[in-house]
Amino acid sequence: MVKTLPILYVKPGCPWCTQALEFFAQQGVKCDIKDVIADMHQMRQLVATTGQSKCPSFCYGDFIVADFSVDEFIAKVKKNTQVCQELGLKV
C-alpha cells in the first residue's frame, strides 16, 4: 500500500512526460503531478531533489529517477522490488 503519493515532475507538451503519465495511469499508480513550467517553486523543488531540470522525473521517498523514458524507468524500478510492491507496479 502506498504511504505517500510519488511525485512526477512534468512539462506540458513534453512527449516523454505524456508517455510517463500514460504508463502510470495504465499501471494504476496515482502520482502527485507537478507542472514545473506553471509553477517555478516546483521547478526549484525538482532541481533541489534531482540535481537537474529535465522531465519527466519521478520521486518516491529515496527512489528517484530523473529525466527518463518509460523503458529507462522500468529498468531502474525492476531493481527495487520494494518500490514495485509498494506502488503495485506490474513490470
N, C-alpha and C. Protein backbone atom coordinates (compact mmCIF):
# COMPACT_ATOMS: atom_id res chain seq x y z
N MET A 1 0.84 -1.19 0.00
CA MET A 1 0.00 0.00 0.00
C MET A 1 0.88 1.25 0.00
N VAL A 2 0.50 2.22 -0.83
CA VAL A 2 1.28 3.44 -0.97
C VAL A 2 1.07 4.32 0.25
N LYS A 3 2.18 4.71 0.89
CA LYS A 3 2.11 5.57 2.07
C LYS A 3 1.89 7.02 1.66
N THR A 4 2.67 7.48 0.73
CA THR A 4 2.52 8.82 0.18
C THR A 4 2.56 8.70 -1.33
N LEU A 5 1.92 9.62 -2.00
CA LEU A 5 1.93 9.57 -3.46
C LEU A 5 3.32 9.90 -3.98
N PRO A 6 3.75 9.16 -5.01
CA PRO A 6 5.00 9.54 -5.66
C PRO A 6 4.80 10.86 -6.39
N ILE A 7 5.86 11.61 -6.52
CA ILE A 7 5.80 12.88 -7.24
C ILE A 7 6.32 12.65 -8.65
N LEU A 8 5.59 13.17 -9.63
CA LEU A 8 6.01 13.12 -11.01
C LEU A 8 6.10 14.56 -11.52
N TYR A 9 7.31 15.01 -11.78
CA TYR A 9 7.53 16.35 -12.32
C TYR A 9 7.41 16.26 -13.83
N VAL A 10 6.61 17.16 -14.41
CA VAL A 10 6.35 17.15 -15.85
C VAL A 10 6.41 18.56 -16.43
N LYS A 11 6.53 18.58 -17.77
CA LYS A 11 6.43 19.82 -18.53
C LYS A 11 5.37 19.61 -19.60
N PRO A 12 4.39 20.52 -19.71
CA PRO A 12 3.35 20.39 -20.72
C PRO A 12 3.96 20.31 -22.13
N GLY A 13 3.41 19.43 -22.93
CA GLY A 13 3.87 19.28 -24.31
C GLY A 13 5.08 18.37 -24.47
N CYS A 14 5.64 17.91 -23.39
CA CYS A 14 6.81 17.02 -23.44
C CYS A 14 6.33 15.61 -23.78
N PRO A 15 6.78 15.03 -24.90
CA PRO A 15 6.30 13.69 -25.27
C PRO A 15 6.70 12.61 -24.26
N TRP A 16 7.86 12.73 -23.64
CA TRP A 16 8.28 11.75 -22.63
C TRP A 16 7.41 11.85 -21.39
N CYS A 17 7.00 13.08 -21.06
CA CYS A 17 6.09 13.27 -19.92
C CYS A 17 4.73 12.65 -20.21
N THR A 18 4.23 12.83 -21.41
CA THR A 18 2.96 12.24 -21.81
C THR A 18 3.03 10.72 -21.72
N GLN A 19 4.12 10.14 -22.20
CA GLN A 19 4.30 8.69 -22.12
C GLN A 19 4.36 8.22 -20.66
N ALA A 20 5.05 8.98 -19.81
CA ALA A 20 5.15 8.62 -18.40
C ALA A 20 3.78 8.68 -17.75
N LEU A 21 3.01 9.73 -18.02
CA LEU A 21 1.67 9.85 -17.46
C LEU A 21 0.79 8.67 -17.89
N GLU A 22 0.88 8.30 -19.16
CA GLU A 22 0.10 7.16 -19.67
C GLU A 22 0.55 5.86 -19.00
N PHE A 23 1.85 5.67 -18.83
CA PHE A 23 2.38 4.47 -18.19
C PHE A 23 1.84 4.33 -16.77
N PHE A 24 1.93 5.39 -15.98
CA PHE A 24 1.47 5.31 -14.60
C PHE A 24 -0.04 5.12 -14.53
N ALA A 25 -0.78 5.74 -15.44
CA ALA A 25 -2.24 5.54 -15.48
C ALA A 25 -2.56 4.08 -15.81
N GLN A 26 -1.86 3.50 -16.77
CA GLN A 26 -2.08 2.10 -17.14
C GLN A 26 -1.74 1.16 -15.98
N GLN A 27 -0.74 1.53 -15.19
CA GLN A 27 -0.32 0.71 -14.05
C GLN A 27 -1.21 0.93 -12.83
N GLY A 28 -2.09 1.94 -12.90
CA GLY A 28 -2.97 2.25 -11.77
C GLY A 28 -2.24 2.95 -10.64
N VAL A 29 -1.13 3.61 -10.96
CA VAL A 29 -0.34 4.33 -9.96
C VAL A 29 -0.73 5.80 -9.99
N LYS A 30 -1.27 6.28 -8.88
CA LYS A 30 -1.60 7.70 -8.78
C LYS A 30 -0.35 8.45 -8.37
N CYS A 31 -0.10 9.55 -9.04
CA CYS A 31 1.07 10.38 -8.75
C CYS A 31 0.61 11.80 -8.43
N ASP A 32 1.41 12.47 -7.64
CA ASP A 32 1.22 13.89 -7.38
C ASP A 32 1.95 14.61 -8.52
N ILE A 33 1.20 15.10 -9.50
CA ILE A 33 1.77 15.69 -10.70
C ILE A 33 2.16 17.14 -10.43
N LYS A 34 3.42 17.46 -10.74
CA LYS A 34 3.94 18.80 -10.54
C LYS A 34 4.36 19.37 -11.89
N ASP A 35 3.67 20.42 -12.33
CA ASP A 35 3.99 21.11 -13.58
C ASP A 35 5.06 22.15 -13.29
N VAL A 36 6.28 21.89 -13.75
CA VAL A 36 7.40 22.77 -13.43
C VAL A 36 7.44 24.03 -14.29
N ILE A 37 6.64 24.08 -15.32
CA ILE A 37 6.56 25.29 -16.14
C ILE A 37 5.57 26.27 -15.53
N ALA A 38 4.44 25.77 -15.07
CA ALA A 38 3.40 26.62 -14.48
C ALA A 38 3.77 27.12 -13.09
N ASP A 39 4.65 26.40 -12.41
CA ASP A 39 4.95 26.72 -11.01
C ASP A 39 6.47 26.67 -10.79
N MET A 40 7.10 27.83 -10.73
CA MET A 40 8.56 27.90 -10.58
C MET A 40 9.02 27.32 -9.25
N HIS A 41 8.16 27.33 -8.23
CA HIS A 41 8.52 26.69 -6.97
C HIS A 41 8.76 25.20 -7.20
N GLN A 42 7.92 24.58 -8.03
CA GLN A 42 8.09 23.17 -8.34
C GLN A 42 9.37 22.92 -9.14
N MET A 43 9.73 23.86 -10.02
CA MET A 43 11.00 23.74 -10.75
C MET A 43 12.16 23.76 -9.77
N ARG A 44 12.11 24.66 -8.80
CA ARG A 44 13.18 24.72 -7.79
C ARG A 44 13.22 23.43 -6.98
N GLN A 45 12.05 22.87 -6.65
CA GLN A 45 12.00 21.60 -5.93
C GLN A 45 12.61 20.47 -6.76
N LEU A 46 12.28 20.46 -8.05
CA LEU A 46 12.83 19.45 -8.97
C LEU A 46 14.35 19.51 -8.96
N VAL A 47 14.90 20.70 -9.13
CA VAL A 47 16.36 20.87 -9.17
C VAL A 47 16.99 20.49 -7.82
N ALA A 48 16.35 20.89 -6.73
CA ALA A 48 16.88 20.57 -5.41
C ALA A 48 16.86 19.06 -5.16
N THR A 49 15.84 18.39 -5.65
CA THR A 49 15.69 16.95 -5.40
C THR A 49 16.53 16.10 -6.32
N THR A 50 16.59 16.47 -7.61
CA THR A 50 17.24 15.61 -8.60
C THR A 50 18.58 16.15 -9.10
N GLY A 51 18.86 17.41 -8.84
CA GLY A 51 20.11 18.00 -9.32
C GLY A 51 20.07 18.41 -10.78
N GLN A 52 18.89 18.41 -11.37
CA GLN A 52 18.75 18.80 -12.78
C GLN A 52 17.34 19.33 -13.02
N SER A 53 17.06 19.82 -14.24
CA SER A 53 15.76 20.44 -14.51
C SER A 53 14.97 19.73 -15.61
N LYS A 54 15.36 18.52 -15.94
CA LYS A 54 14.70 17.81 -17.05
C LYS A 54 13.55 16.94 -16.54
N CYS A 55 12.58 16.74 -17.43
CA CYS A 55 11.40 15.96 -17.11
C CYS A 55 11.17 14.91 -18.17
N PRO A 56 10.44 13.86 -17.81
CA PRO A 56 9.82 13.62 -16.52
C PRO A 56 10.85 13.17 -15.49
N SER A 57 10.54 13.46 -14.25
CA SER A 57 11.34 13.00 -13.12
C SER A 57 10.39 12.48 -12.06
N PHE A 58 10.76 11.35 -11.46
CA PHE A 58 9.91 10.62 -10.53
C PHE A 58 10.60 10.53 -9.18
N CYS A 59 9.88 10.86 -8.12
CA CYS A 59 10.43 10.80 -6.77
C CYS A 59 9.45 10.07 -5.86
N TYR A 60 9.96 9.05 -5.21
CA TYR A 60 9.16 8.29 -4.24
C TYR A 60 10.10 7.93 -3.10
N GLY A 61 10.05 8.73 -2.04
CA GLY A 61 10.99 8.54 -0.94
C GLY A 61 12.40 8.74 -1.44
N ASP A 62 13.26 7.76 -1.19
CA ASP A 62 14.65 7.84 -1.64
C ASP A 62 14.84 7.33 -3.07
N PHE A 63 13.78 6.81 -3.67
CA PHE A 63 13.85 6.29 -5.04
C PHE A 63 13.56 7.44 -6.01
N ILE A 64 14.58 7.84 -6.76
CA ILE A 64 14.46 8.96 -7.69
C ILE A 64 14.95 8.53 -9.06
N VAL A 65 14.15 8.81 -10.08
CA VAL A 65 14.55 8.58 -11.46
C VAL A 65 14.33 9.89 -12.20
N ALA A 66 15.43 10.51 -12.60
CA ALA A 66 15.35 11.82 -13.25
C ALA A 66 15.50 11.68 -14.76
N ASP A 67 14.75 12.50 -15.49
CA ASP A 67 14.88 12.61 -16.94
C ASP A 67 14.88 11.23 -17.59
N PHE A 68 13.72 10.57 -17.59
CA PHE A 68 13.66 9.18 -18.05
C PHE A 68 12.67 8.97 -19.17
N SER A 69 12.92 7.90 -19.93
CA SER A 69 11.90 7.33 -20.81
C SER A 69 11.23 6.23 -19.99
N VAL A 70 10.08 5.77 -20.44
CA VAL A 70 9.39 4.71 -19.71
C VAL A 70 10.27 3.47 -19.61
N ASP A 71 10.97 3.12 -20.69
CA ASP A 71 11.86 1.95 -20.65
C ASP A 71 12.97 2.12 -19.61
N GLU A 72 13.53 3.31 -19.52
CA GLU A 72 14.57 3.57 -18.52
C GLU A 72 14.00 3.46 -17.11
N PHE A 73 12.79 3.99 -16.92
CA PHE A 73 12.15 3.89 -15.61
C PHE A 73 11.94 2.43 -15.23
N ILE A 74 11.41 1.64 -16.14
CA ILE A 74 11.15 0.23 -15.87
C ILE A 74 12.44 -0.49 -15.50
N ALA A 75 13.51 -0.23 -16.24
CA ALA A 75 14.79 -0.88 -15.95
C ALA A 75 15.28 -0.55 -14.55
N LYS A 76 15.10 0.70 -14.13
CA LYS A 76 15.56 1.11 -12.80
C LYS A 76 14.65 0.59 -11.69
N VAL A 77 13.35 0.63 -11.89
CA VAL A 77 12.43 0.22 -10.83
C VAL A 77 12.45 -1.30 -10.64
N LYS A 78 12.76 -2.05 -11.69
CA LYS A 78 12.85 -3.51 -11.56
C LYS A 78 13.93 -3.91 -10.55
N LYS A 79 14.91 -3.04 -10.36
CA LYS A 79 16.00 -3.32 -9.41
C LYS A 79 15.60 -3.01 -7.98
N ASN A 80 14.41 -2.42 -7.80
CA ASN A 80 13.94 -2.06 -6.46
C ASN A 80 12.59 -2.71 -6.21
N THR A 81 12.62 -3.96 -5.76
CA THR A 81 11.38 -4.72 -5.59
C THR A 81 10.45 -4.10 -4.55
N GLN A 82 11.01 -3.44 -3.55
CA GLN A 82 10.16 -2.82 -2.53
C GLN A 82 9.30 -1.72 -3.14
N VAL A 83 9.89 -0.89 -3.98
CA VAL A 83 9.13 0.19 -4.64
C VAL A 83 8.07 -0.43 -5.54
N CYS A 84 8.45 -1.46 -6.30
CA CYS A 84 7.47 -2.13 -7.17
C CYS A 84 6.27 -2.63 -6.36
N GLN A 85 6.55 -3.27 -5.24
CA GLN A 85 5.48 -3.81 -4.40
C GLN A 85 4.63 -2.69 -3.81
N GLU A 86 5.26 -1.68 -3.24
CA GLU A 86 4.50 -0.59 -2.61
C GLU A 86 3.60 0.13 -3.59
N LEU A 87 4.09 0.33 -4.81
CA LEU A 87 3.30 1.05 -5.81
C LEU A 87 2.38 0.13 -6.60
N GLY A 88 2.58 -1.17 -6.48
CA GLY A 88 1.76 -2.12 -7.23
C GLY A 88 2.11 -2.17 -8.70
N LEU A 89 3.36 -1.88 -9.02
CA LEU A 89 3.79 -1.90 -10.41
C LEU A 89 3.89 -3.33 -10.92
N LYS A 90 3.42 -3.52 -12.13
CA LYS A 90 3.50 -4.82 -12.80
C LYS A 90 4.46 -4.68 -13.97
N VAL A 91 5.74 -4.81 -13.67
CA VAL A 91 6.77 -4.65 -14.72
C VAL A 91 7.65 -5.88 -14.81
